[in-house]
Amino acid sequence: MKNILFDFISKYVSLTDDEKSALLSLDLFHSVKKGTTLLKEGQNSKESYFVLKGCIRTYYMIDGEEKTTAFYTEMDVLTPHCVINKTPSDYFISCVEDSILTVSNSDMEAEINCKFPKFELMCRKLSEELLAKQRIDFDEFKTSSPEERYLNLLQKRPDLIQRVPQHQLASYLGIKPQSLSRLRARILEKKS
């Protein structure tokens, strides 16, 4: 797993052996079981996540119903808003699959950034990239129909179709599970 992490980091900065050792000394790697809640609404946290293997999701509870807003799979990074804002979380984070994550906290990150300034540069580049991606995803979601969202998902993240329960997928697309079933049937009908 450490090689997966180092390969990802190498896209942004090159690491010396000392820097690799410093990272490995932090006890970053965690195996987490499917169904585990990593963060609850109202909870404070300093933890950020990097998915090495598996799938986690963010969701809100609105009128007793889960509203999924994102899925994070291999090579995705998630720093909850509550970590940055230092306020209680507005949403939940849970594991959709058994997952292997790196879990860091803001204190760890400050220590590493102080010792090795290039990590701060990497985090800035990664943050800029993630912000741009989120903006594009948000705009696509707001300007597309449920069918277009589903087709976009099939094109950009087809693995989610098999990995995620249908009710969570429907929630992510902003529709009911029954509507997702009808939408899938309509698309299959068009293809034949």
N, C-alpha and C. Protein backbone atom coordinates (compact mmCIF):
# COMPACT_ATOMS: atom_id res chain seq x y z
N MET A 1 0.82 -1.21 0.00
CA MET A 1 0.00 0.00 0.00
C MET A 1 0.86 1.27 0.00
N LYS A 2 2.01 1.18 0.65
CA LYS A 2 2.85 2.38 0.70
C LYS A 2 3.28 2.80 -0.71
N ASN A 3 3.50 1.81 -1.62
CA ASN A 3 3.90 2.15 -2.98
C ASN A 3 2.80 2.89 -3.73
N ILE A 4 1.55 2.51 -3.46
CA ILE A 4 0.42 3.20 -4.08
C ILE A 4 0.42 4.67 -3.64
N LEU A 5 0.62 4.88 -2.34
CA LEU A 5 0.67 6.25 -1.81
C LEU A 5 1.83 7.03 -2.42
N PHE A 6 3.01 6.43 -2.45
CA PHE A 6 4.18 7.13 -2.98
C PHE A 6 4.05 7.42 -4.48
N ASP A 7 3.42 6.51 -5.22
CA ASP A 7 3.19 6.75 -6.65
C ASP A 7 2.26 7.94 -6.84
N PHE A 8 1.22 8.02 -6.01
CA PHE A 8 0.29 9.15 -6.09
C PHE A 8 1.02 10.46 -5.79
N ILE A 9 1.78 10.48 -4.71
CA ILE A 9 2.51 11.70 -4.30
C ILE A 9 3.49 12.12 -5.39
N SER A 10 4.10 11.14 -6.07
CA SER A 10 5.12 11.46 -7.08
C SER A 10 4.55 12.24 -8.26
N LYS A 11 3.22 12.24 -8.41
CA LYS A 11 2.60 13.05 -9.47
C LYS A 11 2.74 14.55 -9.15
N TYR A 12 2.96 14.85 -7.89
CA TYR A 12 3.00 16.25 -7.44
C TYR A 12 4.39 16.70 -7.02
N VAL A 13 5.09 15.85 -6.27
CA VAL A 13 6.45 16.17 -5.81
C VAL A 13 7.27 14.89 -5.74
N SER A 14 8.60 15.04 -5.82
CA SER A 14 9.45 13.85 -5.65
C SER A 14 9.87 13.79 -4.18
N LEU A 15 9.96 12.57 -3.68
CA LEU A 15 10.27 12.37 -2.26
C LEU A 15 11.65 11.76 -2.08
N THR A 16 12.35 12.23 -1.06
CA THR A 16 13.61 11.61 -0.67
C THR A 16 13.28 10.42 0.23
N ASP A 17 14.27 9.61 0.50
CA ASP A 17 14.05 8.47 1.40
C ASP A 17 13.68 8.95 2.80
N ASP A 18 14.27 10.06 3.25
CA ASP A 18 13.95 10.62 4.57
C ASP A 18 12.47 11.04 4.63
N GLU A 19 12.00 11.64 3.56
CA GLU A 19 10.60 12.08 3.53
C GLU A 19 9.66 10.87 3.51
N LYS A 20 10.02 9.84 2.77
CA LYS A 20 9.21 8.62 2.76
C LYS A 20 9.17 8.00 4.15
N SER A 21 10.32 7.94 4.80
CA SER A 21 10.39 7.38 6.16
C SER A 21 9.56 8.18 7.14
N ALA A 22 9.61 9.51 7.00
CA ALA A 22 8.82 10.38 7.89
C ALA A 22 7.34 10.10 7.72
N LEU A 23 6.90 9.92 6.48
CA LEU A 23 5.48 9.61 6.23
C LEU A 23 5.10 8.26 6.82
N LEU A 24 5.94 7.27 6.60
CA LEU A 24 5.64 5.92 7.09
C LEU A 24 5.62 5.85 8.62
N SER A 25 6.35 6.74 9.26
CA SER A 25 6.39 6.73 10.74
C SER A 25 5.09 7.25 11.36
N LEU A 26 4.21 7.81 10.55
CA LEU A 26 3.00 8.45 11.06
C LEU A 26 1.83 7.48 11.30
N ASP A 27 1.96 6.22 10.98
CA ASP A 27 0.87 5.26 11.16
C ASP A 27 -0.39 5.73 10.43
N LEU A 28 -0.24 5.94 9.13
CA LEU A 28 -1.32 6.47 8.30
C LEU A 28 -2.32 5.43 7.81
N PHE A 29 -1.89 4.18 7.66
CA PHE A 29 -2.70 3.16 6.99
C PHE A 29 -3.71 2.52 7.93
N HIS A 30 -4.98 2.50 7.49
CA HIS A 30 -6.05 1.93 8.31
C HIS A 30 -6.97 1.08 7.44
N SER A 31 -7.25 -0.15 7.91
CA SER A 31 -8.25 -1.00 7.26
C SER A 31 -9.58 -0.72 7.95
N VAL A 32 -10.61 -0.45 7.16
CA VAL A 32 -11.92 -0.09 7.72
C VAL A 32 -12.99 -0.97 7.08
N LYS A 33 -13.85 -1.53 7.91
CA LYS A 33 -14.88 -2.45 7.44
C LYS A 33 -16.05 -1.71 6.77
N LYS A 34 -16.66 -2.38 5.80
CA LYS A 34 -17.87 -1.89 5.14
C LYS A 34 -18.91 -1.55 6.21
N GLY A 35 -19.59 -0.42 6.03
CA GLY A 35 -20.63 0.00 6.97
C GLY A 35 -20.12 0.87 8.11
N THR A 36 -18.81 0.98 8.26
CA THR A 36 -18.24 1.81 9.33
C THR A 36 -18.52 3.28 9.05
N THR A 37 -18.99 3.99 10.06
CA THR A 37 -19.19 5.44 9.95
C THR A 37 -17.91 6.12 10.41
N LEU A 38 -17.30 6.88 9.53
CA LEU A 38 -16.05 7.58 9.84
C LEU A 38 -16.31 8.93 10.50
N LEU A 39 -17.44 9.54 10.15
CA LEU A 39 -17.78 10.86 10.68
C LEU A 39 -19.30 10.96 10.74
N LYS A 40 -19.80 11.50 11.84
CA LYS A 40 -21.25 11.69 11.99
C LYS A 40 -21.59 13.18 11.96
N GLU A 41 -22.80 13.46 11.53
CA GLU A 41 -23.31 14.83 11.58
C GLU A 41 -23.20 15.32 13.03
N GLY A 42 -22.72 16.56 13.20
CA GLY A 42 -22.59 17.14 14.54
C GLY A 42 -21.27 16.85 15.22
N GLN A 43 -20.48 15.97 14.63
CA GLN A 43 -19.20 15.58 15.21
C GLN A 43 -18.09 16.52 14.71
N ASN A 44 -17.12 16.79 15.58
CA ASN A 44 -15.93 17.54 15.17
C ASN A 44 -14.87 16.54 14.73
N SER A 45 -14.01 16.94 13.82
CA SER A 45 -12.96 16.05 13.34
C SER A 45 -11.78 16.84 12.84
N LYS A 46 -10.60 16.23 12.92
CA LYS A 46 -9.39 16.79 12.33
C LYS A 46 -8.87 15.88 11.23
N GLU A 47 -9.63 14.81 10.91
CA GLU A 47 -9.13 13.76 10.03
C GLU A 47 -9.47 13.97 8.56
N SER A 48 -8.45 13.68 7.72
CA SER A 48 -8.60 13.67 6.26
C SER A 48 -8.35 12.24 5.80
N TYR A 49 -8.91 11.89 4.63
CA TYR A 49 -8.84 10.52 4.15
C TYR A 49 -8.32 10.47 2.72
N PHE A 50 -7.53 9.44 2.46
CA PHE A 50 -7.08 9.14 1.10
C PHE A 50 -7.40 7.67 0.88
N VAL A 51 -8.18 7.39 -0.15
CA VAL A 51 -8.64 6.02 -0.40
C VAL A 51 -7.60 5.28 -1.23
N LEU A 52 -6.98 4.28 -0.62
CA LEU A 52 -6.04 3.42 -1.33
C LEU A 52 -6.80 2.27 -2.00
N LYS A 53 -7.81 1.77 -1.30
CA LYS A 53 -8.63 0.68 -1.82
C LYS A 53 -10.00 0.78 -1.17
N GLY A 54 -11.06 0.61 -1.97
CA GLY A 54 -12.40 0.65 -1.41
C GLY A 54 -13.20 1.86 -1.86
N CYS A 55 -14.27 2.12 -1.11
CA CYS A 55 -15.19 3.20 -1.47
C CYS A 55 -15.82 3.77 -0.21
N ILE A 56 -15.78 5.09 -0.08
CA ILE A 56 -16.48 5.77 1.01
C ILE A 56 -17.42 6.80 0.38
N ARG A 57 -18.41 7.21 1.16
CA ARG A 57 -19.37 8.19 0.63
C ARG A 57 -19.68 9.23 1.68
N THR A 58 -20.14 10.38 1.20
CA THR A 58 -20.65 11.42 2.08
C THR A 58 -22.15 11.51 1.84
N TYR A 59 -22.87 11.74 2.94
CA TYR A 59 -24.33 11.89 2.81
C TYR A 59 -24.88 12.72 3.95
N TYR A 60 -26.01 13.35 3.67
CA TYR A 60 -26.76 14.14 4.64
C TYR A 60 -28.00 13.35 5.04
N MET A 61 -28.49 13.56 6.24
CA MET A 61 -29.78 13.01 6.65
C MET A 61 -30.77 14.16 6.60
N ILE A 62 -31.73 14.07 5.70
CA ILE A 62 -32.73 15.12 5.54
C ILE A 62 -34.11 14.48 5.67
N ASP A 63 -34.86 14.91 6.68
CA ASP A 63 -36.18 14.35 6.97
C ASP A 63 -36.14 12.82 7.04
N GLY A 64 -35.11 12.30 7.71
CA GLY A 64 -34.97 10.86 7.91
C GLY A 64 -34.52 10.08 6.68
N GLU A 65 -34.14 10.78 5.62
CA GLU A 65 -33.72 10.12 4.39
C GLU A 65 -32.27 10.49 4.07
N GLU A 66 -31.48 9.48 3.67
CA GLU A 66 -30.09 9.72 3.29
C GLU A 66 -30.03 10.37 1.91
N LYS A 67 -29.25 11.43 1.81
CA LYS A 67 -29.02 12.11 0.53
C LYS A 67 -27.52 12.05 0.24
N THR A 68 -27.13 11.14 -0.63
CA THR A 68 -25.72 10.93 -0.96
C THR A 68 -25.22 12.06 -1.85
N THR A 69 -24.08 12.64 -1.48
CA THR A 69 -23.53 13.75 -2.27
C THR A 69 -22.25 13.39 -3.01
N ALA A 70 -21.53 12.34 -2.55
CA ALA A 70 -20.29 11.99 -3.25
C ALA A 70 -19.84 10.58 -2.87
N PHE A 71 -19.10 9.98 -3.81
CA PHE A 71 -18.41 8.71 -3.58
C PHE A 71 -16.92 8.95 -3.81
N TYR A 72 -16.12 8.39 -2.95
CA TYR A 72 -14.67 8.50 -3.07
C TYR A 72 -14.10 7.09 -3.19
N THR A 73 -13.37 6.85 -4.28
CA THR A 73 -12.79 5.54 -4.54
C THR A 73 -11.27 5.69 -4.68
N GLU A 74 -10.61 4.66 -5.14
CA GLU A 74 -9.17 4.63 -5.20
C GLU A 74 -8.58 5.93 -5.76
N MET A 75 -7.61 6.44 -5.03
CA MET A 75 -6.84 7.66 -5.35
C MET A 75 -7.64 8.94 -5.15
N ASP A 76 -8.75 8.87 -4.44
CA ASP A 76 -9.52 10.07 -4.11
C ASP A 76 -9.16 10.54 -2.71
N VAL A 77 -9.16 11.84 -2.54
CA VAL A 77 -8.85 12.48 -1.26
C VAL A 77 -10.10 13.17 -0.74
N LEU A 78 -10.32 13.08 0.56
CA LEU A 78 -11.45 13.77 1.19
C LEU A 78 -11.00 14.43 2.48
N THR A 79 -11.10 15.74 2.50
CA THR A 79 -10.93 16.50 3.73
C THR A 79 -12.28 17.12 4.03
N PRO A 80 -12.97 16.62 5.07
CA PRO A 80 -14.30 17.16 5.39
C PRO A 80 -14.25 18.66 5.69
N HIS A 81 -15.33 19.36 5.34
CA HIS A 81 -15.41 20.81 5.57
C HIS A 81 -15.18 21.15 7.04
N CYS A 82 -15.65 20.29 7.94
CA CYS A 82 -15.54 20.59 9.37
C CYS A 82 -14.09 20.64 9.83
N VAL A 83 -13.18 19.97 9.11
CA VAL A 83 -11.75 20.02 9.45
C VAL A 83 -11.22 21.42 9.14
N ILE A 84 -11.60 21.94 8.01
CA ILE A 84 -11.13 23.26 7.57
C ILE A 84 -11.78 24.37 8.38
N ASN A 85 -13.10 24.26 8.56
CA ASN A 85 -13.87 25.31 9.26
C ASN A 85 -13.81 25.20 10.78
N LYS A 86 -13.32 24.05 11.28
CA LYS A 86 -13.27 23.79 12.74
C LYS A 86 -14.66 23.95 13.38
N THR A 87 -15.65 23.40 12.68
CA THR A 87 -17.04 23.41 13.16
C THR A 87 -17.56 21.97 13.11
N PRO A 88 -18.67 21.68 13.78
CA PRO A 88 -19.25 20.33 13.69
C PRO A 88 -19.66 20.01 12.25
N SER A 89 -19.54 18.74 11.90
CA SER A 89 -19.87 18.29 10.54
C SER A 89 -21.37 18.42 10.27
N ASP A 90 -21.69 18.77 9.03
CA ASP A 90 -23.08 18.83 8.58
C ASP A 90 -23.52 17.50 7.99
N TYR A 91 -22.57 16.59 7.75
CA TYR A 91 -22.90 15.35 7.06
C TYR A 91 -22.18 14.15 7.65
N PHE A 92 -22.46 12.99 7.09
CA PHE A 92 -21.87 11.72 7.50
C PHE A 92 -20.87 11.26 6.45
N ILE A 93 -19.89 10.48 6.89
CA ILE A 93 -18.99 9.78 5.97
C ILE A 93 -18.99 8.33 6.41
N SER A 94 -19.25 7.42 5.47
CA SER A 94 -19.24 6.00 5.82
C SER A 94 -18.60 5.17 4.70
N CYS A 95 -18.22 3.96 5.05
CA CYS A 95 -17.58 3.05 4.10
C CYS A 95 -18.63 2.22 3.37
N VAL A 96 -18.63 2.29 2.06
CA VAL A 96 -19.53 1.51 1.23
C VAL A 96 -18.97 0.10 1.05
N GLU A 97 -17.65 -0.01 1.09
CA GLU A 97 -16.95 -1.28 0.95
C GLU A 97 -15.89 -1.38 2.05
N ASP A 98 -15.37 -2.59 2.28
CA ASP A 98 -14.17 -2.71 3.10
C ASP A 98 -13.12 -1.83 2.41
N SER A 99 -12.43 -1.00 3.18
CA SER A 99 -11.53 -0.02 2.58
C SER A 99 -10.18 0.02 3.29
N ILE A 100 -9.18 0.41 2.53
CA ILE A 100 -7.87 0.72 3.12
C ILE A 100 -7.66 2.20 2.86
N LEU A 101 -7.52 2.95 3.94
CA LEU A 101 -7.41 4.41 3.86
C LEU A 101 -6.12 4.88 4.52
N THR A 102 -5.61 5.99 4.05
CA THR A 102 -4.65 6.69 4.88
C THR A 102 -5.48 7.73 5.62
N VAL A 103 -5.25 7.83 6.91
CA VAL A 103 -5.97 8.78 7.74
C VAL A 103 -4.95 9.68 8.39
N SER A 104 -5.05 10.96 8.07
CA SER A 104 -4.13 11.93 8.67
C SER A 104 -4.97 12.96 9.41
N ASN A 105 -4.32 13.72 10.27
CA ASN A 105 -5.04 14.80 10.93
C ASN A 105 -4.28 16.09 10.76
N SER A 106 -4.93 17.19 11.06
CA SER A 106 -4.34 18.50 10.80
C SER A 106 -3.05 18.72 11.60
N ASP A 107 -2.94 18.13 12.79
CA ASP A 107 -1.70 18.27 13.57
C ASP A 107 -0.54 17.56 12.88
N MET A 108 -0.79 16.34 12.39
CA MET A 108 0.21 15.58 11.64
C MET A 108 0.67 16.36 10.42
N GLU A 109 -0.31 16.88 9.69
CA GLU A 109 -0.02 17.60 8.46
C GLU A 109 0.82 18.84 8.74
N ALA A 110 0.50 19.56 9.81
CA ALA A 110 1.27 20.76 10.16
C ALA A 110 2.71 20.38 10.48
N GLU A 111 2.90 19.29 11.20
CA GLU A 111 4.25 18.83 11.56
C GLU A 111 5.05 18.45 10.32
N ILE A 112 4.44 17.69 9.42
CA ILE A 112 5.12 17.27 8.19
C ILE A 112 5.41 18.47 7.30
N ASN A 113 4.45 19.38 7.17
CA ASN A 113 4.66 20.58 6.34
C ASN A 113 5.79 21.44 6.87
N CYS A 114 5.93 21.48 8.18
CA CYS A 114 7.01 22.25 8.82
C CYS A 114 8.37 21.61 8.52
N LYS A 115 8.44 20.29 8.66
CA LYS A 115 9.70 19.57 8.43
C LYS A 115 10.06 19.51 6.94
N PHE A 116 9.04 19.34 6.10
CA PHE A 116 9.25 19.15 4.67
C PHE A 116 8.31 20.07 3.89
N PRO A 117 8.74 21.29 3.60
CA PRO A 117 7.86 22.28 2.95
C PRO A 117 7.26 21.82 1.61
N LYS A 118 7.88 20.88 0.93
CA LYS A 118 7.33 20.44 -0.36
C LYS A 118 5.97 19.77 -0.20
N PHE A 119 5.67 19.24 1.00
CA PHE A 119 4.36 18.65 1.22
C PHE A 119 3.27 19.72 1.19
N GLU A 120 3.60 20.89 1.68
CA GLU A 120 2.64 21.99 1.64
C GLU A 120 2.36 22.37 0.19
N LEU A 121 3.39 22.38 -0.63
CA LEU A 121 3.23 22.66 -2.06
C LEU A 121 2.34 21.60 -2.71
N MET A 122 2.59 20.33 -2.37
CA MET A 122 1.79 19.25 -2.92
C MET A 122 0.32 19.40 -2.51
N CYS A 123 0.10 19.71 -1.23
CA CYS A 123 -1.28 19.88 -0.74
C CYS A 123 -1.99 21.03 -1.44
N ARG A 124 -1.25 22.10 -1.70
CA ARG A 124 -1.85 23.25 -2.41
C ARG A 124 -2.24 22.86 -3.83
N LYS A 125 -1.33 22.17 -4.53
CA LYS A 125 -1.63 21.73 -5.90
C LYS A 125 -2.83 20.79 -5.91
N LEU A 126 -2.85 19.86 -4.97
CA LEU A 126 -3.95 18.90 -4.88
C LEU A 126 -5.27 19.61 -4.57
N SER A 127 -5.22 20.58 -3.67
CA SER A 127 -6.43 21.34 -3.32
C SER A 127 -6.98 22.10 -4.52
N GLU A 128 -6.09 22.71 -5.28
CA GLU A 128 -6.52 23.45 -6.47
C GLU A 128 -7.17 22.50 -7.48
N GLU A 129 -6.56 21.34 -7.67
CA GLU A 129 -7.09 20.34 -8.59
C GLU A 129 -8.48 19.86 -8.14
N LEU A 130 -8.60 19.57 -6.85
CA LEU A 130 -9.87 19.08 -6.31
C LEU A 130 -10.96 20.14 -6.40
N LEU A 131 -10.61 21.38 -6.13
CA LEU A 131 -11.58 22.47 -6.21
C LEU A 131 -12.10 22.63 -7.63
N ALA A 132 -11.20 22.57 -8.60
CA ALA A 132 -11.61 22.68 -10.01
C ALA A 132 -12.52 21.51 -10.39
N LYS A 133 -12.17 20.29 -9.98
CA LYS A 133 -12.97 19.10 -10.28
C LYS A 133 -14.35 19.21 -9.66
N GLN A 134 -14.41 19.66 -8.40
CA GLN A 134 -15.71 19.80 -7.74
C GLN A 134 -16.59 20.83 -8.44
N ARG A 135 -15.98 21.89 -8.89
CA ARG A 135 -16.74 22.93 -9.61
C ARG A 135 -17.34 22.37 -10.89
N ILE A 136 -16.54 21.62 -11.64
CA ILE A 136 -17.01 21.02 -12.89
C ILE A 136 -18.14 20.02 -12.59
N ASP A 137 -17.94 19.18 -11.57
CA ASP A 137 -18.96 18.19 -11.20
C ASP A 137 -20.25 18.87 -10.78
N PHE A 138 -20.15 19.93 -10.00
CA PHE A 138 -21.34 20.66 -9.54
C PHE A 138 -22.08 21.26 -10.73
N ASP A 139 -21.34 21.91 -11.61
CA ASP A 139 -21.97 22.52 -12.79
C ASP A 139 -22.65 21.48 -13.66
N GLU A 140 -21.98 20.33 -13.88
CA GLU A 140 -22.57 19.26 -14.69
C GLU A 140 -23.86 18.75 -14.04
N PHE A 141 -23.84 18.61 -12.72
CA PHE A 141 -25.01 18.11 -12.01
C PHE A 141 -26.18 19.09 -12.15
N LYS A 142 -25.89 20.37 -11.94
CA LYS A 142 -26.95 21.39 -11.97
C LYS A 142 -27.54 21.59 -13.36
N THR A 143 -26.76 21.31 -14.40
CA THR A 143 -27.23 21.62 -15.75
C THR A 143 -27.67 20.38 -16.53
N SER A 144 -27.78 19.24 -15.87
CA SER A 144 -28.14 18.02 -16.60
C SER A 144 -29.39 17.36 -16.01
N SER A 145 -30.02 16.56 -16.85
CA SER A 145 -31.20 15.80 -16.42
C SER A 145 -30.71 14.54 -15.70
N PRO A 146 -31.59 13.86 -14.96
CA PRO A 146 -31.19 12.60 -14.32
C PRO A 146 -30.61 11.59 -15.32
N GLU A 147 -31.20 11.50 -16.52
CA GLU A 147 -30.68 10.57 -17.52
C GLU A 147 -29.27 10.97 -17.95
N GLU A 148 -29.05 12.26 -18.16
CA GLU A 148 -27.72 12.73 -18.53
C GLU A 148 -26.71 12.47 -17.40
N ARG A 149 -27.15 12.64 -16.15
CA ARG A 149 -26.27 12.36 -15.00
C ARG A 149 -25.87 10.90 -14.98
N TYR A 150 -26.86 10.02 -15.22
CA TYR A 150 -26.58 8.59 -15.21
C TYR A 150 -25.63 8.22 -16.35
N LEU A 151 -25.87 8.73 -17.55
CA LEU A 151 -25.01 8.45 -18.70
C LEU A 151 -23.59 8.99 -18.45
N ASN A 152 -23.51 10.15 -17.83
CA ASN A 152 -22.21 10.74 -17.47
C ASN A 152 -21.48 9.84 -16.48
N LEU A 153 -22.22 9.31 -15.51
CA LEU A 153 -21.65 8.40 -14.53
C LEU A 153 -21.16 7.12 -15.20
N LEU A 154 -21.95 6.60 -16.13
CA LEU A 154 -21.54 5.40 -16.89
C LEU A 154 -20.24 5.64 -17.65
N GLN A 155 -20.09 6.85 -18.16
CA GLN A 155 -18.91 7.19 -18.94
C GLN A 155 -17.69 7.45 -18.05
N LYS A 156 -17.87 8.23 -16.99
CA LYS A 156 -16.73 8.68 -16.19
C LYS A 156 -16.39 7.76 -15.02
N ARG A 157 -17.40 7.10 -14.43
CA ARG A 157 -17.16 6.26 -13.25
C ARG A 157 -17.99 4.99 -13.30
N PRO A 158 -17.81 4.19 -14.35
CA PRO A 158 -18.65 2.99 -14.52
C PRO A 158 -18.52 1.99 -13.38
N ASP A 159 -17.40 1.99 -12.69
CA ASP A 159 -17.20 1.06 -11.57
C ASP A 159 -18.24 1.26 -10.47
N LEU A 160 -18.71 2.49 -10.29
CA LEU A 160 -19.69 2.76 -9.22
C LEU A 160 -20.99 2.00 -9.42
N ILE A 161 -21.36 1.75 -10.67
CA ILE A 161 -22.62 1.07 -10.97
C ILE A 161 -22.65 -0.31 -10.29
N GLN A 162 -21.50 -1.00 -10.29
CA GLN A 162 -21.41 -2.33 -9.68
C GLN A 162 -21.09 -2.28 -8.19
N ARG A 163 -20.43 -1.24 -7.74
CA ARG A 163 -19.90 -1.19 -6.39
C ARG A 163 -20.85 -0.62 -5.35
N VAL A 164 -21.79 0.20 -5.80
CA VAL A 164 -22.62 0.98 -4.89
C VAL A 164 -24.06 0.46 -4.91
N PRO A 165 -24.70 0.31 -3.74
CA PRO A 165 -26.11 -0.10 -3.72
C PRO A 165 -26.99 0.87 -4.53
N GLN A 166 -28.00 0.33 -5.19
CA GLN A 166 -28.85 1.13 -6.08
C GLN A 166 -29.48 2.32 -5.38
N HIS A 167 -29.92 2.15 -4.13
CA HIS A 167 -30.58 3.28 -3.45
C HIS A 167 -29.60 4.42 -3.19
N GLN A 168 -28.31 4.10 -2.95
CA GLN A 168 -27.31 5.16 -2.76
C GLN A 168 -26.98 5.82 -4.09
N LEU A 169 -26.91 5.03 -5.13
CA LEU A 169 -26.64 5.56 -6.47
C LEU A 169 -27.77 6.50 -6.91
N ALA A 170 -29.01 6.07 -6.67
CA ALA A 170 -30.17 6.91 -7.02
C ALA A 170 -30.12 8.23 -6.27
N SER A 171 -29.84 8.15 -4.97
CA SER A 171 -29.74 9.36 -4.15
C SER A 171 -28.67 10.30 -4.69
N TYR A 172 -27.53 9.74 -5.07
CA TYR A 172 -26.43 10.52 -5.64
C TYR A 172 -26.85 11.22 -6.93
N LEU A 173 -27.68 10.55 -7.72
CA LEU A 173 -28.16 11.13 -8.98
C LEU A 173 -29.33 12.09 -8.77
N GLY A 174 -29.85 12.14 -7.54
CA GLY A 174 -30.94 13.05 -7.23
C GLY A 174 -32.31 12.51 -7.60
N ILE A 175 -32.44 11.18 -7.64
CA ILE A 175 -33.71 10.56 -7.99
C ILE A 175 -34.04 9.42 -7.01
N LYS A 176 -35.25 8.88 -7.11
CA LYS A 176 -35.67 7.76 -6.29
C LYS A 176 -35.18 6.44 -6.93
N PRO A 177 -34.99 5.39 -6.14
CA PRO A 177 -34.54 4.10 -6.70
C PRO A 177 -35.44 3.58 -7.82
N GLN A 178 -36.77 3.80 -7.69
CA GLN A 178 -37.70 3.34 -8.73
C GLN A 178 -37.44 4.08 -10.04
N SER A 179 -37.15 5.38 -9.93
CA SER A 179 -36.86 6.18 -11.12
C SER A 179 -35.58 5.70 -11.79
N LEU A 180 -34.60 5.30 -10.97
CA LEU A 180 -33.35 4.79 -11.53
C LEU A 180 -33.60 3.50 -12.30
N SER A 181 -34.44 2.63 -11.76
CA SER A 181 -34.78 1.38 -12.46
C SER A 181 -35.44 1.68 -13.80
N ARG A 182 -36.38 2.62 -13.82
CA ARG A 182 -37.07 2.99 -15.07
C ARG A 182 -36.09 3.62 -16.05
N LEU A 183 -35.21 4.46 -15.54
CA LEU A 183 -34.22 5.13 -16.38
C LEU A 183 -33.29 4.11 -17.04
N ARG A 184 -32.82 3.13 -16.25
CA ARG A 184 -31.96 2.07 -16.80
C ARG A 184 -32.69 1.29 -17.89
N ALA A 185 -33.95 0.96 -17.63
CA ALA A 185 -34.75 0.20 -18.61
C ALA A 185 -34.91 1.01 -19.91
N ARG A 186 -35.16 2.32 -19.76
CA ARG A 186 -35.33 3.19 -20.93
C ARG A 186 -34.03 3.24 -21.76
N ILE A 187 -32.90 3.32 -21.09
CA ILE A 187 -31.62 3.38 -21.79
C ILE A 187 -31.34 2.07 -22.52
N LEU A 188 -31.64 0.95 -21.86
CA LEU A 188 -31.45 -0.36 -22.51
C LEU A 188 -32.36 -0.51 -23.73
N GLU A 189 -33.57 0.00 -23.58
CA GLU A 189 -34.54 -0.06 -24.68
C GLU A 189 -34.04 0.73 -25.88
N LYS A 190 -33.45 1.91 -25.63
CA LYS A 190 -32.92 2.76 -26.71
C LYS A 190 -31.78 2.06 -27.44
N LYS A 191 -30.98 1.29 -26.71
CA LYS A 191 -29.82 0.63 -27.29
C LYS A 191 -30.23 -0.55 -28.19
N SER A 192 -31.40 -1.14 -27.90
CA SER A 192 -31.80 -2.32 -28.71
C SER A 192 -32.68 -1.99 -29.88
